[in-house]
Amino acid sequence: HLNITCHYNSDLKNKIKFFCKGSDPSLCESSGIKASSETNSTGRFSLR
């Protein structure tokens, strides 16, 4: 299992956090999302 930490600035504190897969971030934005702070977990992927 793997933990990946993602640091962000204070202006993003109240924003929804996303983690997704894809070589092109513009495509990653619309598809392939594995977990977000909206869903918290998707299958083997979870976000805290």
ModelCIF file with pLDDT and N, C-alpha, C, O atoms, coordinates in Angstrom:
data_MODEL
#
_entry.id   MODEL 
#
_entity.id                         1 
_entity.type                       polymer 
_entity.pdbx_number_of_molecules   1 
#
_entity_poly.entity_id                      1 
_entity_poly.type                           'polypeptide(L)' 
_entity_poly.nstd_linkage                   no 
_entity_poly.nstd_monomer                   no 
_entity_poly.pdbx_seq_one_letter_code       HLNITCHYNSDLKNKIKFFCKGSDPSLCESSGIKASSETNSTGRFSLR 
_entity_poly.pdbx_seq_one_letter_code_can   HLNITCHYNSDLKNKIKFFCKGSDPSLCESSGIKASSETNSTGRFSLR 
_entity_poly.pdbx_strand_id                 A 
#
loop_
_entity_poly_seq.entity_id 
_entity_poly_seq.num 
_entity_poly_seq.mon_id 
_entity_poly_seq.hetero 
1 1  HIS n 
1 2  LEU n 
1 3  ASN n 
1 4  ILE n 
1 5  THR n 
1 6  CYS n 
1 7  HIS n 
1 8  TYR n 
1 9  ASN n 
1 10 SER n 
1 11 ASP n 
1 12 LEU n 
1 13 LYS n 
1 14 ASN n 
1 15 LYS n 
1 16 ILE n 
1 17 LYS n 
1 18 PHE n 
1 19 PHE n 
1 20 CYS n 
1 21 LYS n 
1 22 GLY n 
1 23 SER n 
1 24 ASP n 
1 25 PRO n 
1 26 SER n 
1 27 LEU n 
1 28 CYS n 
1 29 GLU n 
1 30 SER n 
1 31 SER n 
1 32 GLY n 
1 33 ILE n 
1 34 LYS n 
1 35 ALA n 
1 36 SER n 
1 37 SER n 
1 38 GLU n 
1 39 THR n 
1 40 ASN n 
1 41 SER n 
1 42 THR n 
1 43 GLY n 
1 44 ARG n 
1 45 PHE n 
1 46 SER n 
1 47 LEU n 
1 48 ARG n 
#
_struct_asym.id          A 
_struct_asym.entity_id   1 
#
loop_
_ma_qa_metric.id 
_ma_qa_metric.mode 
_ma_qa_metric.name 
_ma_qa_metric.software_group_id 
_ma_qa_metric.type 
1 global pLDDT . pLDDT 
2 local  pLDDT . pLDDT 
#
_ma_qa_metric_global.metric_id      1 
_ma_qa_metric_global.metric_value   82.10 
_ma_qa_metric_global.model_id       1 
_ma_qa_metric_global.ordinal_id     1 
#
loop_
_ma_qa_metric_local.label_asym_id 
_ma_qa_metric_local.label_comp_id 
_ma_qa_metric_local.label_seq_id 
_ma_qa_metric_local.metric_id 
_ma_qa_metric_local.metric_value 
_ma_qa_metric_local.model_id 
_ma_qa_metric_local.ordinal_id 
A HIS 1  2 84.00 1 1  
A LEU 2  2 86.00 1 2  
A ASN 3  2 88.00 1 3  
A ILE 4  2 89.00 1 4  
A THR 5  2 88.00 1 5  
A CYS 6  2 90.00 1 6  
A HIS 7  2 89.00 1 7  
A TYR 8  2 91.00 1 8  
A ASN 9  2 90.00 1 9  
A SER 10 2 89.00 1 10 
A ASP 11 2 89.00 1 11 
A LEU 12 2 90.00 1 12 
A LYS 13 2 89.00 1 13 
A ASN 14 2 89.00 1 14 
A LYS 15 2 89.00 1 15 
A ILE 16 2 89.00 1 16 
A LYS 17 2 90.00 1 17 
A PHE 18 2 87.00 1 18 
A PHE 19 2 88.00 1 19 
A CYS 20 2 86.00 1 20 
A LYS 21 2 85.00 1 21 
A GLY 22 2 80.00 1 22 
A SER 23 2 76.00 1 23 
A ASP 24 2 76.00 1 24 
A PRO 25 2 75.00 1 25 
A SER 26 2 75.00 1 26 
A LEU 27 2 72.00 1 27 
A CYS 28 2 71.00 1 28 
A GLU 29 2 64.00 1 29 
A SER 30 2 61.00 1 30 
A SER 31 2 60.00 1 31 
A GLY 32 2 63.00 1 32 
A ILE 33 2 66.00 1 33 
A LYS 34 2 72.00 1 34 
A ALA 35 2 78.00 1 35 
A SER 36 2 84.00 1 36 
A SER 37 2 84.00 1 37 
A GLU 38 2 81.00 1 38 
A THR 39 2 81.00 1 39 
A ASN 40 2 81.00 1 40 
A SER 41 2 81.00 1 41 
A THR 42 2 78.00 1 42 
A GLY 43 2 81.00 1 43 
A ARG 44 2 87.00 1 44 
A PHE 45 2 89.00 1 45 
A SER 46 2 89.00 1 46 
A LEU 47 2 91.00 1 47 
A ARG 48 2 90.00 1 48 
#
loop_
_atom_site.group_PDB 
_atom_site.id 
_atom_site.type_symbol 
_atom_site.label_atom_id 
_atom_site.label_alt_id 
_atom_site.label_comp_id 
_atom_site.label_asym_id 
_atom_site.label_entity_id 
_atom_site.label_seq_id 
_atom_site.pdbx_PDB_ins_code 
_atom_site.Cartn_x 
_atom_site.Cartn_y 
_atom_site.Cartn_z 
_atom_site.occupancy 
_atom_site.B_iso_or_equiv 
_atom_site.pdbx_formal_charge 
_atom_site.auth_seq_id 
_atom_site.auth_comp_id 
_atom_site.auth_asym_id 
_atom_site.auth_atom_id 
_atom_site.pdbx_PDB_model_num 
ATOM 1   N N  . HIS A 1 1  ? 0.856   -1.182 0.000   1.00 84.00 ? 1  HIS A N  1 
ATOM 2   C CA . HIS A 1 1  ? 0.000   0.000  0.000   1.00 84.00 ? 1  HIS A CA 1 
ATOM 3   C C  . HIS A 1 1  ? 0.897   1.239  0.000   1.00 84.00 ? 1  HIS A C  1 
ATOM 4   O O  . HIS A 1 1  ? 2.067   1.158  0.375   1.00 84.00 ? 1  HIS A O  1 
ATOM 5   N N  . LEU A 1 2  ? 0.361   2.362  -0.412  1.00 86.00 ? 2  LEU A N  1 
ATOM 6   C CA . LEU A 1 2  ? 1.147   3.577  -0.605  1.00 86.00 ? 2  LEU A CA 1 
ATOM 7   C C  . LEU A 1 2  ? 0.371   4.785  -0.113  1.00 86.00 ? 2  LEU A C  1 
ATOM 8   O O  . LEU A 1 2  ? -0.824  4.916  -0.379  1.00 86.00 ? 2  LEU A O  1 
ATOM 9   N N  . ASN A 1 3  ? 1.059   5.675  0.611   1.00 88.00 ? 3  ASN A N  1 
ATOM 10  C CA . ASN A 1 3  ? 0.504   6.969  1.003   1.00 88.00 ? 3  ASN A CA 1 
ATOM 11  C C  . ASN A 1 3  ? 1.210   8.067  0.208   1.00 88.00 ? 3  ASN A C  1 
ATOM 12  O O  . ASN A 1 3  ? 2.439   8.138  0.202   1.00 88.00 ? 3  ASN A O  1 
ATOM 13  N N  . ILE A 1 4  ? 0.447   8.908  -0.453  1.00 89.00 ? 4  ILE A N  1 
ATOM 14  C CA . ILE A 1 4  ? 0.991   10.050 -1.193  1.00 89.00 ? 4  ILE A CA 1 
ATOM 15  C C  . ILE A 1 4  ? 0.464   11.322 -0.552  1.00 89.00 ? 4  ILE A C  1 
ATOM 16  O O  . ILE A 1 4  ? -0.747  11.518 -0.450  1.00 89.00 ? 4  ILE A O  1 
ATOM 17  N N  . THR A 1 5  ? 1.383   12.195 -0.115  1.00 88.00 ? 5  THR A N  1 
ATOM 18  C CA . THR A 1 5  ? 0.973   13.442 0.535   1.00 88.00 ? 5  THR A CA 1 
ATOM 19  C C  . THR A 1 5  ? 1.020   14.591 -0.464  1.00 88.00 ? 5  THR A C  1 
ATOM 20  O O  . THR A 1 5  ? 1.944   14.694 -1.271  1.00 88.00 ? 5  THR A O  1 
ATOM 21  N N  . CYS A 1 6  ? 0.009   15.450 -0.396  1.00 90.00 ? 6  CYS A N  1 
ATOM 22  C CA . CYS A 1 6  ? -0.135  16.563 -1.331  1.00 90.00 ? 6  CYS A CA 1 
ATOM 23  C C  . CYS A 1 6  ? -0.277  17.856 -0.522  1.00 90.00 ? 6  CYS A C  1 
ATOM 24  O O  . CYS A 1 6  ? -1.304  18.079 0.120   1.00 90.00 ? 6  CYS A O  1 
ATOM 25  N N  . HIS A 1 7  ? 0.741   18.696 -0.553  1.00 89.00 ? 7  HIS A N  1 
ATOM 26  C CA . HIS A 1 7  ? 0.723   19.949 0.196   1.00 89.00 ? 7  HIS A CA 1 
ATOM 27  C C  . HIS A 1 7  ? 0.055   21.055 -0.633  1.00 89.00 ? 7  HIS A C  1 
ATOM 28  O O  . HIS A 1 7  ? 0.203   21.098 -1.854  1.00 89.00 ? 7  HIS A O  1 
ATOM 29  N N  . TYR A 1 8  ? -0.678  21.945 0.041   1.00 91.00 ? 8  TYR A N  1 
ATOM 30  C CA . TYR A 1 8  ? -1.345  23.034 -0.672  1.00 91.00 ? 8  TYR A CA 1 
ATOM 31  C C  . TYR A 1 8  ? -1.311  24.316 0.162   1.00 91.00 ? 8  TYR A C  1 
ATOM 32  O O  . TYR A 1 8  ? -1.126  24.281 1.379   1.00 91.00 ? 8  TYR A O  1 
ATOM 33  N N  . ASN A 1 9  ? -1.493  25.447 -0.524  1.00 90.00 ? 9  ASN A N  1 
ATOM 34  C CA . ASN A 1 9  ? -1.472  26.756 0.131   1.00 90.00 ? 9  ASN A CA 1 
ATOM 35  C C  . ASN A 1 9  ? -2.791  27.028 0.862   1.00 90.00 ? 9  ASN A C  1 
ATOM 36  O O  . ASN A 1 9  ? -3.799  26.365 0.617   1.00 90.00 ? 9  ASN A O  1 
ATOM 37  N N  . SER A 1 10 ? -2.765  28.010 1.760   1.00 89.00 ? 10 SER A N  1 
ATOM 38  C CA . SER A 1 10 ? -3.928  28.309 2.606   1.00 89.00 ? 10 SER A CA 1 
ATOM 39  C C  . SER A 1 10 ? -5.143  28.747 1.798   1.00 89.00 ? 10 SER A C  1 
ATOM 40  O O  . SER A 1 10 ? -6.272  28.552 2.247   1.00 89.00 ? 10 SER A O  1 
ATOM 41  N N  . ASP A 1 11 ? -4.941  29.346 0.595   1.00 89.00 ? 11 ASP A N  1 
ATOM 42  C CA . ASP A 1 11 ? -6.079  29.795 -0.199  1.00 89.00 ? 11 ASP A CA 1 
ATOM 43  C C  . ASP A 1 11 ? -6.884  28.627 -0.770  1.00 89.00 ? 11 ASP A C  1 
ATOM 44  O O  . ASP A 1 11 ? -7.984  28.822 -1.286  1.00 89.00 ? 11 ASP A O  1 
ATOM 45  N N  . LEU A 1 12 ? -6.333  27.414 -0.675  1.00 90.00 ? 12 LEU A N  1 
ATOM 46  C CA . LEU A 1 12 ? -7.035  26.231 -1.165  1.00 90.00 ? 12 LEU A CA 1 
ATOM 47  C C  . LEU A 1 12 ? -7.637  25.414 -0.027  1.00 90.00 ? 12 LEU A C  1 
ATOM 48  O O  . LEU A 1 12 ? -8.146  24.313 -0.242  1.00 90.00 ? 12 LEU A O  1 
ATOM 49  N N  . LYS A 1 13 ? -7.576  25.958 1.173   1.00 89.00 ? 13 LYS A N  1 
ATOM 50  C CA . LYS A 1 13 ? -8.003  25.220 2.367   1.00 89.00 ? 13 LYS A CA 1 
ATOM 51  C C  . LYS A 1 13 ? -9.437  24.700 2.254   1.00 89.00 ? 13 LYS A C  1 
ATOM 52  O O  . LYS A 1 13 ? -9.700  23.550 2.607   1.00 89.00 ? 13 LYS A O  1 
ATOM 53  N N  . ASN A 1 14 ? -10.354 25.514 1.776   1.00 89.00 ? 14 ASN A N  1 
ATOM 54  C CA . ASN A 1 14 ? -11.769 25.135 1.734   1.00 89.00 ? 14 ASN A CA 1 
ATOM 55  C C  . ASN A 1 14 ? -12.206 24.573 0.388   1.00 89.00 ? 14 ASN A C  1 
ATOM 56  O O  . ASN A 1 14 ? -13.397 24.366 0.153   1.00 89.00 ? 14 ASN A O  1 
ATOM 57  N N  . LYS A 1 15 ? -11.260 24.331 -0.480  1.00 89.00 ? 15 LYS A N  1 
ATOM 58  C CA . LYS A 1 15 ? -11.577 23.775 -1.793  1.00 89.00 ? 15 LYS A CA 1 
ATOM 59  C C  . LYS A 1 15 ? -11.647 22.252 -1.718  1.00 89.00 ? 15 LYS A C  1 
ATOM 60  O O  . LYS A 1 15 ? -11.076 21.634 -0.819  1.00 89.00 ? 15 LYS A O  1 
ATOM 61  N N  . ILE A 1 16 ? -12.354 21.660 -2.674  1.00 89.00 ? 16 ILE A N  1 
ATOM 62  C CA . ILE A 1 16 ? -12.401 20.207 -2.783  1.00 89.00 ? 16 ILE A CA 1 
ATOM 63  C C  . ILE A 1 16 ? -11.039 19.724 -3.290  1.00 89.00 ? 16 ILE A C  1 
ATOM 64  O O  . ILE A 1 16 ? -10.473 20.320 -4.206  1.00 89.00 ? 16 ILE A O  1 
ATOM 65  N N  . LYS A 1 17 ? -10.516 18.653 -2.702  1.00 90.00 ? 17 LYS A N  1 
ATOM 66  C CA . LYS A 1 17 ? -9.224  18.109 -3.100  1.00 90.00 ? 17 LYS A CA 1 
ATOM 67  C C  . LYS A 1 17 ? -9.451  16.915 -4.028  1.00 90.00 ? 17 LYS A C  1 
ATOM 68  O O  . LYS A 1 17 ? -10.368 16.118 -3.830  1.00 90.00 ? 17 LYS A O  1 
ATOM 69  N N  . PHE A 1 18 ? -8.592  16.813 -5.044  1.00 87.00 ? 18 PHE A N  1 
ATOM 70  C CA . PHE A 1 18 ? -8.725  15.757 -6.046  1.00 87.00 ? 18 PHE A CA 1 
ATOM 71  C C  . PHE A 1 18 ? -7.414  14.987 -6.181  1.00 87.00 ? 18 PHE A C  1 
ATOM 72  O O  . PHE A 1 18 ? -6.327  15.529 -5.980  1.00 87.00 ? 18 PHE A O  1 
ATOM 73  N N  . PHE A 1 19 ? -7.548  13.718 -6.525  1.00 88.00 ? 19 PHE A N  1 
ATOM 74  C CA . PHE A 1 19 ? -6.393  12.887 -6.875  1.00 88.00 ? 19 PHE A CA 1 
ATOM 75  C C  . PHE A 1 19 ? -6.818  12.009 -8.036  1.00 88.00 ? 19 PHE A C  1 
ATOM 76  O O  . PHE A 1 19 ? -7.769  11.236 -7.915  1.00 88.00 ? 19 PHE A O  1 
ATOM 77  N N  . CYS A 1 20 ? -6.118  12.120 -9.167  1.00 86.00 ? 20 CYS A N  1 
ATOM 78  C CA . CYS A 1 20 ? -6.532  11.349 -10.332 1.00 86.00 ? 20 CYS A CA 1 
ATOM 79  C C  . CYS A 1 20 ? -5.346  10.975 -11.191 1.00 86.00 ? 20 CYS A C  1 
ATOM 80  O O  . CYS A 1 20 ? -4.243  11.493 -11.013 1.00 86.00 ? 20 CYS A O  1 
ATOM 81  N N  . LYS A 1 21 ? -5.584  10.068 -12.126 1.00 85.00 ? 21 LYS A N  1 
ATOM 82  C CA . LYS A 1 21 ? -4.536  9.489  -12.953 1.00 85.00 ? 21 LYS A CA 1 
ATOM 83  C C  . LYS A 1 21 ? -4.675  9.936  -14.397 1.00 85.00 ? 21 LYS A C  1 
ATOM 84  O O  . LYS A 1 21 ? -5.783  10.017 -14.927 1.00 85.00 ? 21 LYS A O  1 
ATOM 85  N N  . GLY A 1 22 ? -3.537  10.226 -15.037 1.00 80.00 ? 22 GLY A N  1 
ATOM 86  C CA . GLY A 1 22 ? -3.533  10.583 -16.453 1.00 80.00 ? 22 GLY A CA 1 
ATOM 87  C C  . GLY A 1 22 ? -2.348  11.445 -16.799 1.00 80.00 ? 22 GLY A C  1 
ATOM 88  O O  . GLY A 1 22 ? -1.949  12.299 -16.008 1.00 80.00 ? 22 GLY A O  1 
ATOM 89  N N  . SER A 1 23 ? -1.768  11.231 -17.991 1.00 76.00 ? 23 SER A N  1 
ATOM 90  C CA . SER A 1 23 ? -0.598  12.006 -18.393 1.00 76.00 ? 23 SER A CA 1 
ATOM 91  C C  . SER A 1 23 ? -0.946  13.448 -18.743 1.00 76.00 ? 23 SER A C  1 
ATOM 92  O O  . SER A 1 23 ? -0.082  14.323 -18.692 1.00 76.00 ? 23 SER A O  1 
ATOM 93  N N  . ASP A 1 24 ? -2.210  13.706 -19.100 1.00 76.00 ? 24 ASP A N  1 
ATOM 94  C CA . ASP A 1 24 ? -2.666  15.049 -19.462 1.00 76.00 ? 24 ASP A CA 1 
ATOM 95  C C  . ASP A 1 24 ? -3.604  15.553 -18.358 1.00 76.00 ? 24 ASP A C  1 
ATOM 96  O O  . ASP A 1 24 ? -4.694  15.002 -18.198 1.00 76.00 ? 24 ASP A O  1 
ATOM 97  N N  . PRO A 1 25 ? -3.218  16.579 -17.593 1.00 75.00 ? 25 PRO A N  1 
ATOM 98  C CA . PRO A 1 25 ? -4.068  17.041 -16.483 1.00 75.00 ? 25 PRO A CA 1 
ATOM 99  C C  . PRO A 1 25 ? -5.437  17.542 -16.917 1.00 75.00 ? 25 PRO A C  1 
ATOM 100 O O  . PRO A 1 25 ? -6.391  17.485 -16.141 1.00 75.00 ? 25 PRO A O  1 
ATOM 101 N N  . SER A 1 26 ? -5.545  18.037 -18.154 1.00 75.00 ? 26 SER A N  1 
ATOM 102 C CA . SER A 1 26 ? -6.854  18.509 -18.603 1.00 75.00 ? 26 SER A CA 1 
ATOM 103 C C  . SER A 1 26 ? -7.819  17.341 -18.776 1.00 75.00 ? 26 SER A C  1 
ATOM 104 O O  . SER A 1 26 ? -9.018  17.492 -18.542 1.00 75.00 ? 26 SER A O  1 
ATOM 105 N N  . LEU A 1 27 ? -7.312  16.181 -19.183 1.00 72.00 ? 27 LEU A N  1 
ATOM 106 C CA . LEU A 1 27 ? -8.148  14.987 -19.281 1.00 72.00 ? 27 LEU A CA 1 
ATOM 107 C C  . LEU A 1 27 ? -8.368  14.387 -17.905 1.00 72.00 ? 27 LEU A C  1 
ATOM 108 O O  . LEU A 1 27 ? -9.435  13.849 -17.607 1.00 72.00 ? 27 LEU A O  1 
ATOM 109 N N  . CYS A 1 28 ? -7.346  14.487 -17.076 1.00 71.00 ? 28 CYS A N  1 
ATOM 110 C CA . CYS A 1 28 ? -7.425  13.965 -15.716 1.00 71.00 ? 28 CYS A CA 1 
ATOM 111 C C  . CYS A 1 28 ? -8.540  14.658 -14.943 1.00 71.00 ? 28 CYS A C  1 
ATOM 112 O O  . CYS A 1 28 ? -9.155  14.074 -14.050 1.00 71.00 ? 28 CYS A O  1 
ATOM 113 N N  . GLU A 1 29 ? -8.786  15.918 -15.304 1.00 64.00 ? 29 GLU A N  1 
ATOM 114 C CA . GLU A 1 29 ? -9.791  16.715 -14.600 1.00 64.00 ? 29 GLU A CA 1 
ATOM 115 C C  . GLU A 1 29 ? -11.205 16.204 -14.851 1.00 64.00 ? 29 GLU A C  1 
ATOM 116 O O  . GLU A 1 29 ? -12.060 16.262 -13.967 1.00 64.00 ? 29 GLU A O  1 
ATOM 117 N N  . SER A 1 30 ? -11.445 15.704 -16.060 1.00 61.00 ? 30 SER A N  1 
ATOM 118 C CA . SER A 1 30 ? -12.802 15.309 -16.411 1.00 61.00 ? 30 SER A CA 1 
ATOM 119 C C  . SER A 1 30 ? -13.043 13.805 -16.311 1.00 61.00 ? 30 SER A C  1 
ATOM 120 O O  . SER A 1 30 ? -14.187 13.352 -16.321 1.00 61.00 ? 30 SER A O  1 
ATOM 121 N N  . SER A 1 31 ? -11.959 13.036 -16.216 1.00 60.00 ? 31 SER A N  1 
ATOM 122 C CA . SER A 1 31 ? -12.119 11.583 -16.138 1.00 60.00 ? 31 SER A CA 1 
ATOM 123 C C  . SER A 1 31 ? -10.973 10.987 -15.342 1.00 60.00 ? 31 SER A C  1 
ATOM 124 O O  . SER A 1 31 ? -9.950  11.635 -15.121 1.00 60.00 ? 31 SER A O  1 
ATOM 125 N N  . GLY A 1 32 ? -11.152 9.769  -14.922 1.00 63.00 ? 32 GLY A N  1 
ATOM 126 C CA . GLY A 1 32 ? -10.079 9.062  -14.229 1.00 63.00 ? 32 GLY A CA 1 
ATOM 127 C C  . GLY A 1 32 ? -9.882  9.472  -12.789 1.00 63.00 ? 32 GLY A C  1 
ATOM 128 O O  . GLY A 1 32 ? -8.874  9.108  -12.185 1.00 63.00 ? 32 GLY A O  1 
ATOM 129 N N  . ILE A 1 33 ? -10.823 10.228 -12.212 1.00 66.00 ? 33 ILE A N  1 
ATOM 130 C CA . ILE A 1 33 ? -10.661 10.629 -10.813 1.00 66.00 ? 33 ILE A CA 1 
ATOM 131 C C  . ILE A 1 33 ? -10.784 9.402  -9.922  1.00 66.00 ? 33 ILE A C  1 
ATOM 132 O O  . ILE A 1 33 ? -11.761 8.657  -10.001 1.00 66.00 ? 33 ILE A O  1 
ATOM 133 N N  . LYS A 1 34 ? -9.788  9.204  -9.078  1.00 72.00 ? 34 LYS A N  1 
ATOM 134 C CA . LYS A 1 34 ? -9.772  8.046  -8.191  1.00 72.00 ? 34 LYS A CA 1 
ATOM 135 C C  . LYS A 1 34 ? -10.382 8.368  -6.831  1.00 72.00 ? 34 LYS A C  1 
ATOM 136 O O  . LYS A 1 34 ? -11.063 7.533  -6.236  1.00 72.00 ? 34 LYS A O  1 
ATOM 137 N N  . ALA A 1 35 ? -10.139 9.569  -6.348  1.00 78.00 ? 35 ALA A N  1 
ATOM 138 C CA . ALA A 1 35 ? -10.686 9.953  -5.047  1.00 78.00 ? 35 ALA A CA 1 
ATOM 139 C C  . ALA A 1 35 ? -10.707 11.462 -4.926  1.00 78.00 ? 35 ALA A C  1 
ATOM 140 O O  . ALA A 1 35 ? -9.867  12.145 -5.513  1.00 78.00 ? 35 ALA A O  1 
ATOM 141 N N  . SER A 1 36 ? -11.656 11.990 -4.173  1.00 84.00 ? 36 SER A N  1 
ATOM 142 C CA . SER A 1 36 ? -11.706 13.416 -3.882  1.00 84.00 ? 36 SER A CA 1 
ATOM 143 C C  . SER A 1 36 ? -12.292 13.595 -2.495  1.00 84.00 ? 36 SER A C  1 
ATOM 144 O O  . SER A 1 36 ? -12.823 12.653 -1.906  1.00 84.00 ? 36 SER A O  1 
ATOM 145 N N  . SER A 1 37 ? -12.192 14.820 -1.973  1.00 84.00 ? 37 SER A N  1 
ATOM 146 C CA . SER A 1 37 ? -12.741 15.067 -0.641  1.00 84.00 ? 37 SER A CA 1 
ATOM 147 C C  . SER A 1 37 ? -14.263 15.115 -0.667  1.00 84.00 ? 37 SER A C  1 
ATOM 148 O O  . SER A 1 37 ? -14.899 15.232 0.381   1.00 84.00 ? 37 SER A O  1 
ATOM 149 N N  . GLU A 1 38 ? -14.854 15.025 -1.866  1.00 81.00 ? 38 GLU A N  1 
ATOM 150 C CA . GLU A 1 38 ? -16.310 14.883 -1.986  1.00 81.00 ? 38 GLU A CA 1 
ATOM 151 C C  . GLU A 1 38 ? -16.720 13.442 -1.734  1.00 81.00 ? 38 GLU A C  1 
ATOM 152 O O  . GLU A 1 38 ? -17.678 13.174 -1.010  1.00 81.00 ? 38 GLU A O  1 
ATOM 153 N N  . THR A 1 39 ? -15.977 12.511 -2.345  1.00 81.00 ? 39 THR A N  1 
ATOM 154 C CA . THR A 1 39 ? -16.341 11.091 -2.251  1.00 81.00 ? 39 THR A CA 1 
ATOM 155 C C  . THR A 1 39 ? -15.555 10.369 -1.166  1.00 81.00 ? 39 THR A C  1 
ATOM 156 O O  . THR A 1 39 ? -15.985 9.324  -0.678  1.00 81.00 ? 39 THR A O  1 
ATOM 157 N N  . ASN A 1 40 ? -14.395 10.925 -0.783  1.00 81.00 ? 40 ASN A N  1 
ATOM 158 C CA . ASN A 1 40 ? -13.512 10.385 0.245   1.00 81.00 ? 40 ASN A CA 1 
ATOM 159 C C  . ASN A 1 40 ? -12.785 9.125  -0.194  1.00 81.00 ? 40 ASN A C  1 
ATOM 160 O O  . ASN A 1 40 ? -11.579 9.002  0.025   1.00 81.00 ? 40 ASN A O  1 
ATOM 161 N N  . SER A 1 41 ? -13.499 8.181  -0.814  1.00 81.00 ? 41 SER A N  1 
ATOM 162 C CA . SER A 1 41 ? -12.818 6.965  -1.250  1.00 81.00 ? 41 SER A CA 1 
ATOM 163 C C  . SER A 1 41 ? -13.481 6.404  -2.490  1.00 81.00 ? 41 SER A C  1 
ATOM 164 O O  . SER A 1 41 ? -14.686 6.550  -2.693  1.00 81.00 ? 41 SER A O  1 
ATOM 165 N N  . THR A 1 42 ? -12.659 5.749  -3.325  1.00 78.00 ? 42 THR A N  1 
ATOM 166 C CA . THR A 1 42 ? -13.143 5.066  -4.521  1.00 78.00 ? 42 THR A CA 1 
ATOM 167 C C  . THR A 1 42 ? -12.364 3.770  -4.641  1.00 78.00 ? 42 THR A C  1 
ATOM 168 O O  . THR A 1 42 ? -11.203 3.776  -5.049  1.00 78.00 ? 42 THR A O  1 
ATOM 169 N N  . GLY A 1 43 ? -12.994 2.659  -4.289  1.00 81.00 ? 43 GLY A N  1 
ATOM 170 C CA . GLY A 1 43 ? -12.309 1.379  -4.370  1.00 81.00 ? 43 GLY A CA 1 
ATOM 171 C C  . GLY A 1 43 ? -11.089 1.320  -3.464  1.00 81.00 ? 43 GLY A C  1 
ATOM 172 O O  . GLY A 1 43 ? -11.203 1.501  -2.252  1.00 81.00 ? 43 GLY A O  1 
ATOM 173 N N  . ARG A 1 44 ? -9.929  1.069  -4.046  1.00 87.00 ? 44 ARG A N  1 
ATOM 174 C CA . ARG A 1 44 ? -8.691  0.955  -3.279  1.00 87.00 ? 44 ARG A CA 1 
ATOM 175 C C  . ARG A 1 44 ? -8.060  2.314  -2.975  1.00 87.00 ? 44 ARG A C  1 
ATOM 176 O O  . ARG A 1 44 ? -7.027  2.378  -2.309  1.00 87.00 ? 44 ARG A O  1 
ATOM 177 N N  . PHE A 1 45 ? -8.671  3.403  -3.458  1.00 89.00 ? 45 PHE A N  1 
ATOM 178 C CA . PHE A 1 45 ? -8.134  4.749  -3.276  1.00 89.00 ? 45 PHE A CA 1 
ATOM 179 C C  . PHE A 1 45 ? -8.962  5.502  -2.227  1.00 89.00 ? 45 PHE A C  1 
ATOM 180 O O  . PHE A 1 45 ? -10.191 5.521  -2.296  1.00 89.00 ? 45 PHE A O  1 
ATOM 181 N N  . SER A 1 46 ? -8.288  6.114  -1.271  1.00 89.00 ? 46 SER A N  1 
ATOM 182 C CA . SER A 1 46 ? -8.991  6.921  -0.267  1.00 89.00 ? 46 SER A CA 1 
ATOM 183 C C  . SER A 1 46 ? -8.215  8.212  -0.024  1.00 89.00 ? 46 SER A C  1 
ATOM 184 O O  . SER A 1 46 ? -6.999  8.253  -0.210  1.00 89.00 ? 46 SER A O  1 
ATOM 185 N N  . LEU A 1 47 ? -8.916  9.267  0.391   1.00 91.00 ? 47 LEU A N  1 
ATOM 186 C CA . LEU A 1 47 ? -8.315  10.590 0.566   1.00 91.00 ? 47 LEU A CA 1 
ATOM 187 C C  . LEU A 1 47 ? -8.691  11.147 1.937   1.00 91.00 ? 47 LEU A C  1 
ATOM 188 O O  . LEU A 1 47 ? -9.852  11.094 2.344   1.00 91.00 ? 47 LEU A O  1 
ATOM 189 N N  . ARG A 1 48 ? -7.696  11.682 2.642   1.00 90.00 ? 48 ARG A N  1 
ATOM 190 C CA . ARG A 1 48 ? -7.921  12.300 3.953   1.00 90.00 ? 48 ARG A CA 1 
ATOM 191 C C  . ARG A 1 48 ? -7.279  13.685 3.942   1.00 90.00 ? 48 ARG A C  1 
ATOM 192 O O  . ARG A 1 48 ? -7.338  14.401 4.942   1.00 90.00 ? 48 ARG A O  1 
#
